[in-house]
């Protein structure tokens, strides 16, 4: 299973948010789930069990500072190249 961060950080109602996406291959394509951070809300999911979703939520909670750091670094890189 892989975690992707969809960039850029977006701002809505004065708050910064990130969309994180988990994917894993299956026989016909990919299972996926999308999460909105920092509220850790699962917004879309296909093919993952309830246990998988709970594991993903735990992973996001445990790694939130690192995820935000990576997103901010990527946002700076994107601004420099623009």
N, C-alpha and C. Protein backbone atom coordinates (compact mmCIF):
# COMPACT_ATOMS: atom_id res chain seq x y z
N UNK A 1 0.85 -1.16 0.00
CA UNK A 1 0.00 0.00 0.00
C UNK A 1 0.90 1.23 0.00
N UNK A 2 0.56 2.22 -0.82
CA UNK A 2 1.34 3.44 -0.90
C UNK A 2 0.49 4.64 -0.48
N UNK A 3 1.17 5.63 0.09
CA UNK A 3 0.53 6.87 0.47
C UNK A 3 1.02 7.96 -0.46
N UNK A 4 0.08 8.72 -1.03
CA UNK A 4 0.40 9.85 -1.88
C UNK A 4 -0.19 11.10 -1.25
N UNK A 5 0.54 12.20 -1.33
CA UNK A 5 -0.01 13.49 -0.91
C UNK A 5 -0.33 14.26 -2.17
N UNK A 6 -1.57 14.71 -2.29
CA UNK A 6 -1.99 15.45 -3.47
C UNK A 6 -1.74 16.92 -3.20
N UNK A 7 -0.95 17.54 -4.05
CA UNK A 7 -0.54 18.92 -3.84
C UNK A 7 -1.30 19.83 -4.77
N UNK A 8 -1.35 21.10 -4.51
CA UNK A 8 -0.72 21.79 -3.39
C UNK A 8 -1.58 21.75 -2.13
N UNK A 9 -1.02 22.30 -1.06
CA UNK A 9 -1.82 22.54 0.15
C UNK A 9 -2.90 23.53 -0.29
N UNK A 10 -4.13 23.28 0.07
CA UNK A 10 -5.16 24.23 -0.32
C UNK A 10 -5.73 24.91 0.92
N UNK A 11 -6.23 26.11 0.69
CA UNK A 11 -6.76 26.93 1.78
C UNK A 11 -8.24 27.15 1.55
N UNK A 12 -9.03 26.85 2.56
CA UNK A 12 -10.47 27.03 2.49
C UNK A 12 -10.95 27.60 3.81
N UNK A 13 -11.68 28.67 3.76
CA UNK A 13 -12.22 29.33 4.95
C UNK A 13 -11.12 29.68 5.94
N UNK A 14 -9.93 30.04 5.43
CA UNK A 14 -8.83 30.45 6.28
C UNK A 14 -8.02 29.31 6.88
N UNK A 15 -8.31 28.07 6.50
CA UNK A 15 -7.60 26.92 7.05
C UNK A 15 -6.85 26.17 5.94
N UNK A 16 -5.65 25.72 6.25
CA UNK A 16 -4.86 24.93 5.31
C UNK A 16 -5.27 23.47 5.40
N UNK A 17 -5.34 22.81 4.26
CA UNK A 17 -5.71 21.39 4.21
C UNK A 17 -4.83 20.65 3.21
N UNK A 18 -4.72 19.36 3.41
CA UNK A 18 -3.99 18.47 2.51
C UNK A 18 -4.91 17.30 2.19
N UNK A 19 -4.82 16.80 0.96
CA UNK A 19 -5.50 15.56 0.61
C UNK A 19 -4.44 14.47 0.54
N UNK A 20 -4.64 13.42 1.32
CA UNK A 20 -3.76 12.25 1.31
C UNK A 20 -4.52 11.09 0.69
N UNK A 21 -3.82 10.30 -0.10
CA UNK A 21 -4.46 9.18 -0.81
C UNK A 21 -3.64 7.91 -0.61
N UNK A 22 -4.30 6.85 -0.16
CA UNK A 22 -3.70 5.53 -0.08
C UNK A 22 -4.14 4.73 -1.30
N UNK A 23 -3.20 3.98 -1.89
CA UNK A 23 -3.53 3.12 -3.02
C UNK A 23 -2.83 1.77 -2.87
N UNK A 24 -3.47 0.73 -3.39
CA UNK A 24 -2.82 -0.57 -3.52
C UNK A 24 -3.41 -1.24 -4.76
N UNK A 25 -2.58 -1.98 -5.49
CA UNK A 25 -3.07 -2.64 -6.69
C UNK A 25 -4.03 -3.78 -6.36
N UNK A 26 -4.98 -3.99 -7.24
CA UNK A 26 -5.86 -5.16 -7.16
C UNK A 26 -5.96 -5.78 -8.55
N UNK A 27 -6.78 -6.77 -8.74
CA UNK A 27 -6.85 -7.49 -10.01
C UNK A 27 -7.33 -6.62 -11.17
N UNK A 28 -8.11 -5.59 -10.89
CA UNK A 28 -8.68 -4.76 -11.96
C UNK A 28 -8.18 -3.32 -11.96
N UNK A 29 -7.26 -2.99 -11.12
CA UNK A 29 -6.76 -1.61 -11.03
C UNK A 29 -6.20 -1.31 -9.66
N UNK A 30 -6.89 -0.43 -8.93
CA UNK A 30 -6.41 -0.02 -7.61
C UNK A 30 -7.55 0.11 -6.62
N UNK A 31 -7.29 -0.28 -5.38
CA UNK A 31 -8.13 0.11 -4.25
C UNK A 31 -7.59 1.47 -3.81
N UNK A 32 -8.45 2.33 -3.30
CA UNK A 32 -7.97 3.64 -2.88
C UNK A 32 -8.81 4.19 -1.74
N UNK A 33 -8.22 5.13 -1.04
CA UNK A 33 -8.97 5.94 -0.07
C UNK A 33 -8.34 7.32 -0.03
N UNK A 34 -9.17 8.33 0.12
CA UNK A 34 -8.70 9.71 0.22
C UNK A 34 -9.10 10.28 1.57
N UNK A 35 -8.19 11.06 2.12
CA UNK A 35 -8.37 11.65 3.44
C UNK A 35 -8.08 13.14 3.37
N UNK A 36 -8.85 13.91 4.12
CA UNK A 36 -8.57 15.34 4.24
C UNK A 36 -7.91 15.57 5.59
N UNK A 37 -6.79 16.28 5.55
CA UNK A 37 -6.04 16.61 6.75
C UNK A 37 -6.10 18.11 6.98
N UNK A 38 -6.14 18.61 8.17
CA UNK A 38 -5.77 17.99 9.43
C UNK A 38 -6.91 17.29 10.17
N UNK A 39 -8.13 17.34 9.66
CA UNK A 39 -9.23 16.75 10.42
C UNK A 39 -9.27 15.22 10.33
N UNK A 40 -8.45 14.63 9.48
CA UNK A 40 -8.37 13.18 9.28
C UNK A 40 -9.76 12.62 8.98
N UNK A 41 -10.37 13.19 7.94
CA UNK A 41 -11.69 12.74 7.49
C UNK A 41 -11.53 11.90 6.24
N UNK A 42 -12.05 10.69 6.25
CA UNK A 42 -12.04 9.83 5.07
C UNK A 42 -13.14 10.30 4.14
N UNK A 43 -12.75 10.82 2.97
CA UNK A 43 -13.73 11.40 2.05
C UNK A 43 -14.14 10.47 0.93
N UNK A 44 -13.25 9.51 0.57
CA UNK A 44 -13.56 8.54 -0.49
C UNK A 44 -12.84 7.25 -0.15
N UNK A 45 -13.47 6.12 -0.52
CA UNK A 45 -12.80 4.84 -0.32
C UNK A 45 -13.42 3.79 -1.23
N UNK A 46 -12.57 2.91 -1.73
CA UNK A 46 -13.03 1.80 -2.54
C UNK A 46 -12.07 0.63 -2.35
N UNK A 47 -12.59 -0.52 -1.95
CA UNK A 47 -11.80 -1.74 -1.90
C UNK A 47 -11.10 -2.03 -0.60
N UNK A 48 -11.09 -1.09 0.34
CA UNK A 48 -10.43 -1.32 1.62
C UNK A 48 -11.45 -1.79 2.66
N UNK A 49 -11.02 -2.68 3.53
CA UNK A 49 -11.88 -3.15 4.62
C UNK A 49 -11.94 -2.08 5.72
N UNK A 50 -12.84 -2.28 6.65
CA UNK A 50 -12.95 -1.37 7.79
C UNK A 50 -11.65 -1.38 8.61
N UNK A 51 -11.04 -2.54 8.75
CA UNK A 51 -9.76 -2.63 9.46
C UNK A 51 -8.67 -1.86 8.72
N UNK A 52 -8.66 -1.95 7.39
CA UNK A 52 -7.68 -1.19 6.59
C UNK A 52 -7.85 0.32 6.82
N UNK A 53 -9.10 0.76 6.81
CA UNK A 53 -9.40 2.19 6.99
C UNK A 53 -8.95 2.64 8.38
N UNK A 54 -9.19 1.82 9.40
CA UNK A 54 -8.75 2.16 10.75
C UNK A 54 -7.23 2.23 10.84
N UNK A 55 -6.53 1.32 10.16
CA UNK A 55 -5.08 1.33 10.14
C UNK A 55 -4.56 2.60 9.44
N UNK A 56 -5.21 3.00 8.36
CA UNK A 56 -4.82 4.21 7.66
C UNK A 56 -5.01 5.45 8.55
N UNK A 57 -6.12 5.51 9.24
CA UNK A 57 -6.38 6.63 10.14
C UNK A 57 -5.31 6.70 11.23
N UNK A 58 -4.97 5.56 11.80
CA UNK A 58 -3.92 5.51 12.83
C UNK A 58 -2.58 5.97 12.26
N UNK A 59 -2.26 5.53 11.05
CA UNK A 59 -1.02 5.94 10.40
C UNK A 59 -0.99 7.46 10.22
N UNK A 60 -2.09 8.04 9.74
CA UNK A 60 -2.14 9.49 9.53
C UNK A 60 -1.99 10.24 10.85
N UNK A 61 -2.67 9.78 11.88
CA UNK A 61 -2.56 10.44 13.20
C UNK A 61 -1.12 10.39 13.72
N UNK A 62 -0.47 9.24 13.58
CA UNK A 62 0.89 9.07 14.09
C UNK A 62 1.94 9.82 13.29
N UNK A 63 1.65 10.14 12.04
CA UNK A 63 2.64 10.77 11.17
C UNK A 63 2.25 12.17 10.71
N UNK A 64 1.25 12.76 11.34
CA UNK A 64 0.75 14.08 10.92
C UNK A 64 1.84 15.14 10.84
N UNK A 65 2.72 15.30 11.84
CA UNK A 65 3.75 16.34 11.73
C UNK A 65 4.67 16.14 10.52
N UNK A 66 5.07 14.92 10.26
CA UNK A 66 5.93 14.63 9.11
C UNK A 66 5.21 14.90 7.79
N UNK A 67 3.95 14.53 7.71
CA UNK A 67 3.16 14.75 6.49
C UNK A 67 3.06 16.24 6.20
N UNK A 68 2.79 17.04 7.22
CA UNK A 68 2.70 18.49 7.01
C UNK A 68 4.05 19.08 6.61
N UNK A 69 5.11 18.59 7.23
CA UNK A 69 6.45 19.07 6.87
C UNK A 69 6.76 18.77 5.40
N UNK A 70 6.46 17.57 4.96
CA UNK A 70 6.69 17.19 3.57
C UNK A 70 5.85 18.05 2.62
N UNK A 71 4.61 18.30 2.98
CA UNK A 71 3.73 19.10 2.14
C UNK A 71 4.23 20.54 2.04
N UNK A 72 4.68 21.11 3.14
CA UNK A 72 5.20 22.48 3.11
C UNK A 72 6.47 22.58 2.27
N UNK A 73 7.35 21.57 2.37
CA UNK A 73 8.57 21.57 1.56
C UNK A 73 8.23 21.48 0.08
N UNK A 74 7.27 20.63 -0.27
CA UNK A 74 6.87 20.50 -1.67
C UNK A 74 6.24 21.79 -2.16
N UNK A 75 5.45 22.44 -1.34
CA UNK A 75 4.81 23.69 -1.72
C UNK A 75 5.87 24.76 -2.00
N UNK A 76 6.92 24.82 -1.18
CA UNK A 76 8.02 25.78 -1.41
C UNK A 76 8.72 25.49 -2.72
N UNK A 77 8.97 24.20 -3.02
CA UNK A 77 9.60 23.82 -4.29
C UNK A 77 8.75 24.25 -5.47
N UNK A 78 7.45 24.07 -5.36
CA UNK A 78 6.55 24.43 -6.45
C UNK A 78 6.52 25.94 -6.66
N UNK A 79 6.59 26.70 -5.59
CA UNK A 79 6.59 28.17 -5.68
C UNK A 79 7.88 28.66 -6.33
N UNK A 80 9.01 28.02 -6.02
CA UNK A 80 10.29 28.41 -6.60
C UNK A 80 10.32 28.16 -8.11
N UNK A 81 9.71 27.07 -8.53
CA UNK A 81 9.76 26.71 -9.95
C UNK A 81 8.72 27.44 -10.78
N UNK A 82 7.80 28.15 -10.13
CA UNK A 82 6.74 28.87 -10.86
C UNK A 82 7.24 30.20 -11.39
